Structure formats: C-alpha cells, structure tokens
C-alpha cells in the first residue's frame, strides 16, 4: 500500500499485476491536496515496458474532485501516447457522479450512471479524447 497523501493520510493506493495488466485500487479521498501525488504514482505504475493496461479501481474512493480527475486524465493521455491504456472501474457515489457530469466516464470506458442520458460532449478536448462516435 502506498500513502499518496503523507501529510493527511486520506488517499491510498494498492496494486497487483496480472501481465500484461496492472490493477490499482484507490481508497480514501482524491482532491487538490492529493492530485499531484496521485498523478506521480500512476505514472510510476505505468513505467514497466511490459505493461499495456492500467485498470484503476475506484470502488473504495469516497471523494473525487476536478483536480484529481485532471490528474487521471493527464495520466491517461500520457499512457495513450506510449501505446498503453488506462481505464476506470468500480466508480460509485461521488466519483461516479463527477465522471458522469464531466462525461469523463466516456473517456475512461466506465459505464454511465443510470438516469443520465447521453448528450453530445460539451468539451472539444473530451471529443478528441473519446474519438469518433
């Protein structure tokens, strides 16, 4: 387990490997105080040359704000440039709502929340990240 917020101890990451994938479970709260540590740790976990997929499990994450979402999107973009994939699984509650409201769930391949119909993406950057429909 890695504590991604040494001063507050609110975000932790555990990982295990099943080649060619790595699975990371985040636990706690991901916010502006932990976003830089989150980004650095996920980049470190993407480093092995054998790695093709990084799956980030958010099922134990209680809070996700836009700073932490930005860190996840930045790491995903870096992974894509290296021919790797980053996907999100298990988001529920607040993290799932943030993903749905920003439509980042489309970018990460996370299923939409029930009752949130899809509309055209509002952001050109997200349109570029998702690709053609």
N, C-alpha and C. Protein backbone atom coordinates (compact mmCIF):
# COMPACT_ATOMS: atom_id res chain seq x y z
N UNK A 1 0.85 -1.17 0.00
CA UNK A 1 0.00 0.00 0.00
C UNK A 1 0.89 1.23 0.00
N UNK A 2 0.50 2.22 -0.81
CA UNK A 2 1.22 3.48 -0.88
C UNK A 2 0.30 4.58 -0.38
N UNK A 3 0.79 5.37 0.57
CA UNK A 3 0.04 6.51 1.06
C UNK A 3 0.34 7.68 0.14
N UNK A 4 -0.67 8.16 -0.59
CA UNK A 4 -0.47 9.22 -1.56
C UNK A 4 -0.68 10.61 -0.97
N UNK A 5 -0.90 10.67 0.31
CA UNK A 5 -1.10 11.96 0.97
C UNK A 5 -0.41 11.91 2.33
N UNK A 6 0.92 11.94 2.33
CA UNK A 6 1.66 11.74 3.57
C UNK A 6 1.25 12.67 4.72
N UNK A 7 0.87 13.90 4.41
CA UNK A 7 0.54 14.82 5.49
C UNK A 7 -0.82 14.55 6.10
N UNK A 8 -1.75 13.99 5.32
CA UNK A 8 -3.11 13.79 5.82
C UNK A 8 -3.54 12.33 5.85
N UNK A 9 -2.91 11.48 5.06
CA UNK A 9 -3.26 10.07 5.05
C UNK A 9 -4.65 9.78 4.55
N UNK A 10 -5.13 10.56 3.55
CA UNK A 10 -6.50 10.37 3.09
C UNK A 10 -6.62 9.60 1.77
N UNK A 11 -5.52 9.38 1.07
CA UNK A 11 -5.58 8.63 -0.20
C UNK A 11 -4.51 7.56 -0.20
N UNK A 12 -4.93 6.35 -0.49
CA UNK A 12 -4.02 5.20 -0.50
C UNK A 12 -4.20 4.44 -1.81
N UNK A 13 -3.12 3.80 -2.27
CA UNK A 13 -3.17 3.00 -3.49
C UNK A 13 -2.51 1.65 -3.24
N UNK A 14 -3.17 0.60 -3.66
CA UNK A 14 -2.62 -0.75 -3.67
C UNK A 14 -2.62 -1.22 -5.11
N UNK A 15 -1.65 -2.05 -5.47
CA UNK A 15 -1.67 -2.58 -6.84
C UNK A 15 -1.20 -4.03 -6.87
N UNK A 16 -1.65 -4.71 -7.92
CA UNK A 16 -1.15 -6.05 -8.21
C UNK A 16 -1.11 -6.21 -9.73
N UNK A 17 -0.29 -7.14 -10.16
CA UNK A 17 -0.07 -7.34 -11.59
C UNK A 17 -0.62 -8.68 -12.06
N UNK A 18 -1.23 -8.66 -13.22
CA UNK A 18 -1.60 -9.84 -13.97
C UNK A 18 -1.22 -9.51 -15.40
N UNK A 19 0.03 -9.81 -15.76
CA UNK A 19 0.57 -9.37 -17.04
C UNK A 19 -0.35 -9.72 -18.19
N UNK A 20 -0.59 -8.78 -19.09
CA UNK A 20 0.07 -7.50 -19.31
C UNK A 20 -0.63 -6.33 -18.63
N UNK A 21 -1.46 -6.59 -17.60
CA UNK A 21 -2.21 -5.52 -16.95
C UNK A 21 -1.72 -5.31 -15.52
N UNK A 22 -1.97 -4.12 -15.05
CA UNK A 22 -1.74 -3.77 -13.64
C UNK A 22 -3.04 -3.21 -13.10
N UNK A 23 -3.40 -3.66 -11.91
CA UNK A 23 -4.65 -3.23 -11.27
C UNK A 23 -4.30 -2.39 -10.05
N UNK A 24 -4.89 -1.20 -9.99
CA UNK A 24 -4.63 -0.27 -8.90
C UNK A 24 -5.96 0.01 -8.20
N UNK A 25 -5.99 -0.13 -6.89
CA UNK A 25 -7.17 0.19 -6.10
C UNK A 25 -6.88 1.45 -5.30
N UNK A 26 -7.69 2.48 -5.52
CA UNK A 26 -7.57 3.71 -4.75
C UNK A 26 -8.58 3.67 -3.61
N UNK A 27 -8.14 4.16 -2.46
CA UNK A 27 -9.00 4.17 -1.27
C UNK A 27 -8.87 5.52 -0.57
N UNK A 28 -10.00 6.11 -0.23
CA UNK A 28 -9.98 7.37 0.51
C UNK A 28 -10.58 8.50 -0.28
N UNK A 29 -9.86 9.63 -0.32
CA UNK A 29 -10.34 10.83 -0.98
C UNK A 29 -9.27 11.38 -1.92
N UNK A 30 -9.66 11.66 -3.16
CA UNK A 30 -8.75 12.23 -4.16
C UNK A 30 -9.19 13.66 -4.42
N UNK A 31 -8.34 14.61 -4.05
CA UNK A 31 -8.70 16.01 -4.20
C UNK A 31 -7.46 16.83 -4.56
N UNK A 32 -7.57 18.14 -4.45
CA UNK A 32 -6.47 19.01 -4.81
C UNK A 32 -5.21 18.77 -4.00
N UNK A 33 -5.36 18.33 -2.76
CA UNK A 33 -4.18 18.09 -1.93
C UNK A 33 -3.48 16.78 -2.27
N UNK A 34 -4.14 15.90 -2.99
CA UNK A 34 -3.54 14.60 -3.32
C UNK A 34 -3.32 14.40 -4.83
N UNK A 35 -3.82 15.33 -5.65
CA UNK A 35 -3.80 15.15 -7.11
C UNK A 35 -2.37 14.97 -7.66
N UNK A 36 -1.43 15.78 -7.20
CA UNK A 36 -0.06 15.66 -7.70
C UNK A 36 0.56 14.32 -7.33
N UNK A 37 0.31 13.88 -6.10
CA UNK A 37 0.83 12.57 -5.66
C UNK A 37 0.17 11.44 -6.44
N UNK A 38 -1.13 11.57 -6.68
CA UNK A 38 -1.86 10.57 -7.47
C UNK A 38 -1.27 10.47 -8.87
N UNK A 39 -1.07 11.61 -9.51
CA UNK A 39 -0.53 11.61 -10.86
C UNK A 39 0.87 10.99 -10.89
N UNK A 40 1.72 11.36 -9.96
CA UNK A 40 3.08 10.81 -9.92
C UNK A 40 3.07 9.30 -9.69
N UNK A 41 2.22 8.84 -8.79
CA UNK A 41 2.17 7.39 -8.51
C UNK A 41 1.63 6.61 -9.70
N UNK A 42 0.59 7.09 -10.34
CA UNK A 42 0.06 6.38 -11.51
C UNK A 42 1.07 6.37 -12.65
N UNK A 43 1.79 7.46 -12.85
CA UNK A 43 2.84 7.47 -13.88
C UNK A 43 3.93 6.45 -13.55
N UNK A 44 4.30 6.37 -12.27
CA UNK A 44 5.30 5.39 -11.85
C UNK A 44 4.81 3.97 -12.11
N UNK A 45 3.53 3.73 -11.83
CA UNK A 45 2.97 2.40 -12.04
C UNK A 45 2.84 2.04 -13.52
N UNK A 46 2.82 3.04 -14.39
CA UNK A 46 2.76 2.80 -15.84
C UNK A 46 4.14 2.55 -16.46
N UNK A 47 5.20 2.70 -15.69
CA UNK A 47 6.56 2.69 -16.23
C UNK A 47 7.03 1.37 -16.86
N UNK A 48 6.66 0.20 -16.34
CA UNK A 48 7.21 -1.03 -16.93
C UNK A 48 6.88 -1.17 -18.42
N UNK A 49 7.85 -1.63 -19.18
CA UNK A 49 7.67 -1.76 -20.63
C UNK A 49 6.67 -2.87 -20.99
N UNK A 50 6.49 -3.86 -20.12
CA UNK A 50 5.56 -4.95 -20.41
C UNK A 50 4.11 -4.54 -20.21
N UNK A 51 3.88 -3.43 -19.53
CA UNK A 51 2.53 -3.01 -19.16
C UNK A 51 1.77 -2.43 -20.34
N UNK A 52 0.59 -2.98 -20.61
CA UNK A 52 -0.25 -2.44 -21.68
C UNK A 52 -1.52 -1.80 -21.15
N UNK A 53 -1.99 -2.23 -19.97
CA UNK A 53 -3.25 -1.74 -19.42
C UNK A 53 -3.09 -1.45 -17.94
N UNK A 54 -3.55 -0.26 -17.53
CA UNK A 54 -3.64 0.09 -16.12
C UNK A 54 -5.11 0.27 -15.79
N UNK A 55 -5.63 -0.58 -14.93
CA UNK A 55 -7.03 -0.50 -14.52
C UNK A 55 -7.08 0.09 -13.11
N UNK A 56 -7.77 1.21 -12.98
CA UNK A 56 -7.85 1.91 -11.71
C UNK A 56 -9.23 1.69 -11.10
N UNK A 57 -9.25 1.00 -9.98
CA UNK A 57 -10.50 0.66 -9.29
C UNK A 57 -10.82 1.77 -8.29
N UNK A 58 -11.98 2.40 -8.48
CA UNK A 58 -12.40 3.50 -7.60
C UNK A 58 -13.49 3.07 -6.61
N UNK A 59 -13.72 1.78 -6.46
CA UNK A 59 -14.84 1.33 -5.63
C UNK A 59 -14.69 1.73 -4.16
N UNK A 60 -13.47 1.94 -3.68
CA UNK A 60 -13.26 2.36 -2.29
C UNK A 60 -12.92 3.84 -2.18
N UNK A 61 -13.08 4.57 -3.27
CA UNK A 61 -12.81 6.01 -3.26
C UNK A 61 -14.10 6.74 -2.87
N UNK A 62 -14.03 7.52 -1.79
CA UNK A 62 -15.22 8.22 -1.29
C UNK A 62 -15.43 9.57 -1.96
N UNK A 63 -14.35 10.19 -2.44
CA UNK A 63 -14.44 11.55 -2.97
C UNK A 63 -13.48 11.71 -4.14
N UNK A 64 -13.93 12.39 -5.17
CA UNK A 64 -13.10 12.71 -6.34
C UNK A 64 -13.49 14.11 -6.78
N UNK A 65 -12.51 15.02 -6.84
CA UNK A 65 -12.85 16.35 -7.36
C UNK A 65 -12.16 16.57 -8.69
N UNK A 66 -12.33 17.76 -9.25
CA UNK A 66 -11.83 18.03 -10.60
C UNK A 66 -10.31 18.04 -10.67
N UNK A 67 -9.63 18.41 -9.60
CA UNK A 67 -8.16 18.38 -9.61
C UNK A 67 -7.67 16.94 -9.75
N UNK A 68 -8.27 16.03 -9.02
CA UNK A 68 -7.88 14.62 -9.11
C UNK A 68 -8.31 14.02 -10.45
N UNK A 69 -9.48 14.43 -10.96
CA UNK A 69 -9.91 13.98 -12.28
C UNK A 69 -8.94 14.46 -13.34
N UNK A 70 -8.48 15.68 -13.23
CA UNK A 70 -7.49 16.21 -14.16
C UNK A 70 -6.21 15.38 -14.13
N UNK A 71 -5.79 14.97 -12.94
CA UNK A 71 -4.60 14.11 -12.82
C UNK A 71 -4.83 12.78 -13.54
N UNK A 72 -6.01 12.19 -13.36
CA UNK A 72 -6.32 10.93 -14.05
C UNK A 72 -6.32 11.11 -15.56
N UNK A 73 -6.89 12.20 -16.04
CA UNK A 73 -6.93 12.46 -17.49
C UNK A 73 -5.52 12.70 -18.04
N UNK A 74 -4.68 13.37 -17.27
CA UNK A 74 -3.30 13.63 -17.70
C UNK A 74 -2.52 12.33 -17.81
N UNK A 75 -2.69 11.46 -16.83
CA UNK A 75 -2.01 10.16 -16.87
C UNK A 75 -2.54 9.32 -18.02
N UNK A 76 -3.84 9.38 -18.26
CA UNK A 76 -4.42 8.63 -19.39
C UNK A 76 -3.84 9.11 -20.70
N UNK A 77 -3.69 10.43 -20.87
CA UNK A 77 -3.11 10.97 -22.11
C UNK A 77 -1.67 10.50 -22.28
N UNK A 78 -0.90 10.50 -21.21
CA UNK A 78 0.49 10.03 -21.28
C UNK A 78 0.54 8.55 -21.63
N UNK A 79 -0.36 7.77 -21.04
CA UNK A 79 -0.41 6.33 -21.33
C UNK A 79 -0.74 6.09 -22.80
N UNK A 80 -1.70 6.83 -23.31
CA UNK A 80 -2.12 6.69 -24.70
C UNK A 80 -0.96 6.99 -25.64
N UNK A 81 -0.18 8.01 -25.33
CA UNK A 81 0.97 8.36 -26.17
C UNK A 81 2.01 7.25 -26.19
N UNK A 82 2.05 6.44 -25.14
CA UNK A 82 3.01 5.33 -25.07
C UNK A 82 2.41 4.01 -25.53
N UNK A 83 1.19 4.05 -26.08
CA UNK A 83 0.54 2.84 -26.54
C UNK A 83 -0.09 2.02 -25.43
N UNK A 84 -0.30 2.63 -24.27
CA UNK A 84 -0.91 1.95 -23.14
C UNK A 84 -2.35 2.45 -22.96
N UNK A 85 -3.10 1.74 -22.14
CA UNK A 85 -4.48 2.12 -21.84
C UNK A 85 -4.62 2.34 -20.34
N UNK A 86 -5.47 3.30 -19.97
CA UNK A 86 -5.85 3.49 -18.58
C UNK A 86 -7.36 3.49 -18.54
N UNK A 87 -7.92 2.61 -17.73
CA UNK A 87 -9.37 2.56 -17.60
C UNK A 87 -9.75 2.64 -16.13
N UNK A 88 -10.98 3.02 -15.90
CA UNK A 88 -11.50 3.13 -14.54
C UNK A 88 -12.61 2.11 -14.35
N UNK A 89 -12.60 1.47 -13.20
CA UNK A 89 -13.64 0.52 -12.85
C UNK A 89 -14.18 0.87 -11.46
N UNK A 90 -15.37 0.40 -11.17
CA UNK A 90 -15.91 0.44 -9.83
C UNK A 90 -16.29 1.79 -9.26
N UNK A 91 -16.30 2.83 -10.06
CA UNK A 91 -16.68 4.15 -9.50
C UNK A 91 -18.13 4.12 -9.05
N UNK A 92 -18.37 4.67 -7.88
CA UNK A 92 -19.71 4.72 -7.32
C UNK A 92 -19.83 6.02 -6.53
N UNK A 93 -21.03 6.45 -6.24
CA UNK A 93 -21.24 7.64 -5.42
C UNK A 93 -20.64 8.88 -6.05
N UNK A 94 -19.95 9.66 -5.24
CA UNK A 94 -19.36 10.92 -5.69
C UNK A 94 -18.43 10.75 -6.89
N UNK A 95 -17.47 9.80 -6.87
CA UNK A 95 -16.61 9.65 -8.04
C UNK A 95 -17.38 9.35 -9.32
N UNK A 96 -18.40 8.49 -9.23
CA UNK A 96 -19.19 8.17 -10.42
C UNK A 96 -19.94 9.40 -10.93
N UNK A 97 -20.43 10.21 -9.99
CA UNK A 97 -21.15 11.42 -10.37
C UNK A 97 -20.23 12.42 -11.07
N UNK A 98 -19.02 12.60 -10.55
CA UNK A 98 -18.06 13.50 -11.19
C UNK A 98 -17.73 13.01 -12.59
N UNK A 99 -17.51 11.71 -12.73
CA UNK A 99 -17.23 11.15 -14.06
C UNK A 99 -18.40 11.38 -15.01
N UNK A 100 -19.61 11.18 -14.52
CA UNK A 100 -20.79 11.33 -15.37
C UNK A 100 -21.03 12.79 -15.75
N UNK A 101 -20.94 13.69 -14.78
CA UNK A 101 -21.21 15.10 -15.05
C UNK A 101 -20.21 15.71 -16.02
N UNK A 102 -18.97 15.26 -15.96
CA UNK A 102 -17.93 15.77 -16.87
C UNK A 102 -17.86 14.95 -18.15
N UNK A 103 -18.59 13.87 -18.20
CA UNK A 103 -18.57 12.90 -19.29
C UNK A 103 -17.20 12.25 -19.47
N UNK A 104 -16.39 12.31 -18.43
CA UNK A 104 -15.11 11.62 -18.45
C UNK A 104 -15.31 10.12 -18.37
N UNK A 105 -16.48 9.66 -17.94
CA UNK A 105 -16.75 8.23 -17.94
C UNK A 105 -16.61 7.66 -19.34
N UNK A 106 -16.95 8.45 -20.36
CA UNK A 106 -16.77 8.01 -21.75
C UNK A 106 -15.30 7.81 -22.08
N UNK A 107 -14.48 8.72 -21.61
CA UNK A 107 -13.04 8.68 -21.90
C UNK A 107 -12.41 7.44 -21.26
N UNK A 108 -12.84 7.13 -20.04
CA UNK A 108 -12.25 6.03 -19.30
C UNK A 108 -12.96 4.70 -19.51
N UNK A 109 -14.02 4.68 -20.30
CA UNK A 109 -14.73 3.44 -20.55
C UNK A 109 -15.53 2.95 -19.36
N UNK A 110 -15.93 3.86 -18.49
CA UNK A 110 -16.73 3.48 -17.32
C UNK A 110 -18.20 3.57 -17.69
N UNK A 111 -19.02 2.60 -17.28
CA UNK A 111 -20.44 2.65 -17.64
C UNK A 111 -21.12 3.89 -17.06
N UNK A 112 -22.08 4.46 -17.79
CA UNK A 112 -22.76 5.66 -17.31
C UNK A 112 -23.66 5.35 -16.11
N UNK A 113 -23.93 6.40 -15.34
CA UNK A 113 -24.86 6.26 -14.23
C UNK A 113 -26.27 6.08 -14.77
N UNK A 114 -27.08 5.25 -14.15
CA UNK A 114 -28.48 5.14 -14.56
C UNK A 114 -29.17 6.51 -14.43
N UNK A 115 -30.00 6.83 -15.40
CA UNK A 115 -30.75 8.07 -15.36
C UNK A 115 -29.98 9.28 -15.87
N UNK A 116 -28.80 9.07 -16.42
CA UNK A 116 -28.02 10.17 -17.00
C UNK A 116 -27.91 9.94 -18.51
N UNK A 117 -28.91 10.40 -19.26
CA UNK A 117 -28.86 10.17 -20.71
C UNK A 117 -27.67 10.88 -21.34
N UNK A 118 -27.18 10.29 -22.38
CA UNK A 118 -26.02 10.85 -23.09
C UNK A 118 -26.44 11.99 -23.98
N UNK A 119 -25.65 13.04 -23.94
CA UNK A 119 -25.82 14.17 -24.85
C UNK A 119 -24.48 14.36 -25.54
N UNK A 120 -24.44 15.13 -26.63
CA UNK A 120 -23.15 15.36 -27.27
C UNK A 120 -22.17 15.97 -26.27
N UNK A 121 -20.93 15.59 -26.38
CA UNK A 121 -19.91 16.10 -25.47
C UNK A 121 -19.76 17.60 -25.62
N UNK A 122 -19.71 18.28 -24.49
CA UNK A 122 -19.62 19.73 -24.48
C UNK A 122 -18.20 20.21 -24.72
N UNK A 123 -17.22 19.39 -24.43
CA UNK A 123 -15.82 19.81 -24.49
C UNK A 123 -15.13 19.27 -25.74
N UNK A 124 -14.53 20.16 -26.55
CA UNK A 124 -13.76 19.67 -27.70
C UNK A 124 -12.62 18.74 -27.27
N UNK A 125 -12.02 19.01 -26.10
CA UNK A 125 -10.93 18.16 -25.62
C UNK A 125 -11.44 16.75 -25.34
N UNK A 126 -12.63 16.63 -24.74
CA UNK A 126 -13.18 15.30 -24.48
C UNK A 126 -13.57 14.63 -25.79
N UNK A 127 -14.11 15.40 -26.73
CA UNK A 127 -14.43 14.82 -28.04
C UNK A 127 -13.19 14.22 -28.68
N UNK A 128 -12.07 14.93 -28.59
CA UNK A 128 -10.82 14.43 -29.17
C UNK A 128 -10.34 13.20 -28.44
N UNK A 129 -10.51 13.17 -27.10
CA UNK A 129 -10.04 12.04 -26.31
C UNK A 129 -10.87 10.79 -26.57
N UNK A 130 -12.17 10.96 -26.76
CA UNK A 130 -13.05 9.81 -26.98
C UNK A 130 -12.92 9.31 -28.41
N UNK A 131 -12.76 10.20 -29.37
CA UNK A 131 -12.66 9.82 -30.76
C UNK A 131 -14.03 9.83 -31.42
N UNK A 132 -14.09 9.43 -32.68
CA UNK A 132 -15.37 9.45 -33.40
C UNK A 132 -16.37 8.48 -32.80
N UNK A 133 -17.61 8.86 -32.88
CA UNK A 133 -18.69 8.03 -32.31
C UNK A 133 -18.99 6.84 -33.19
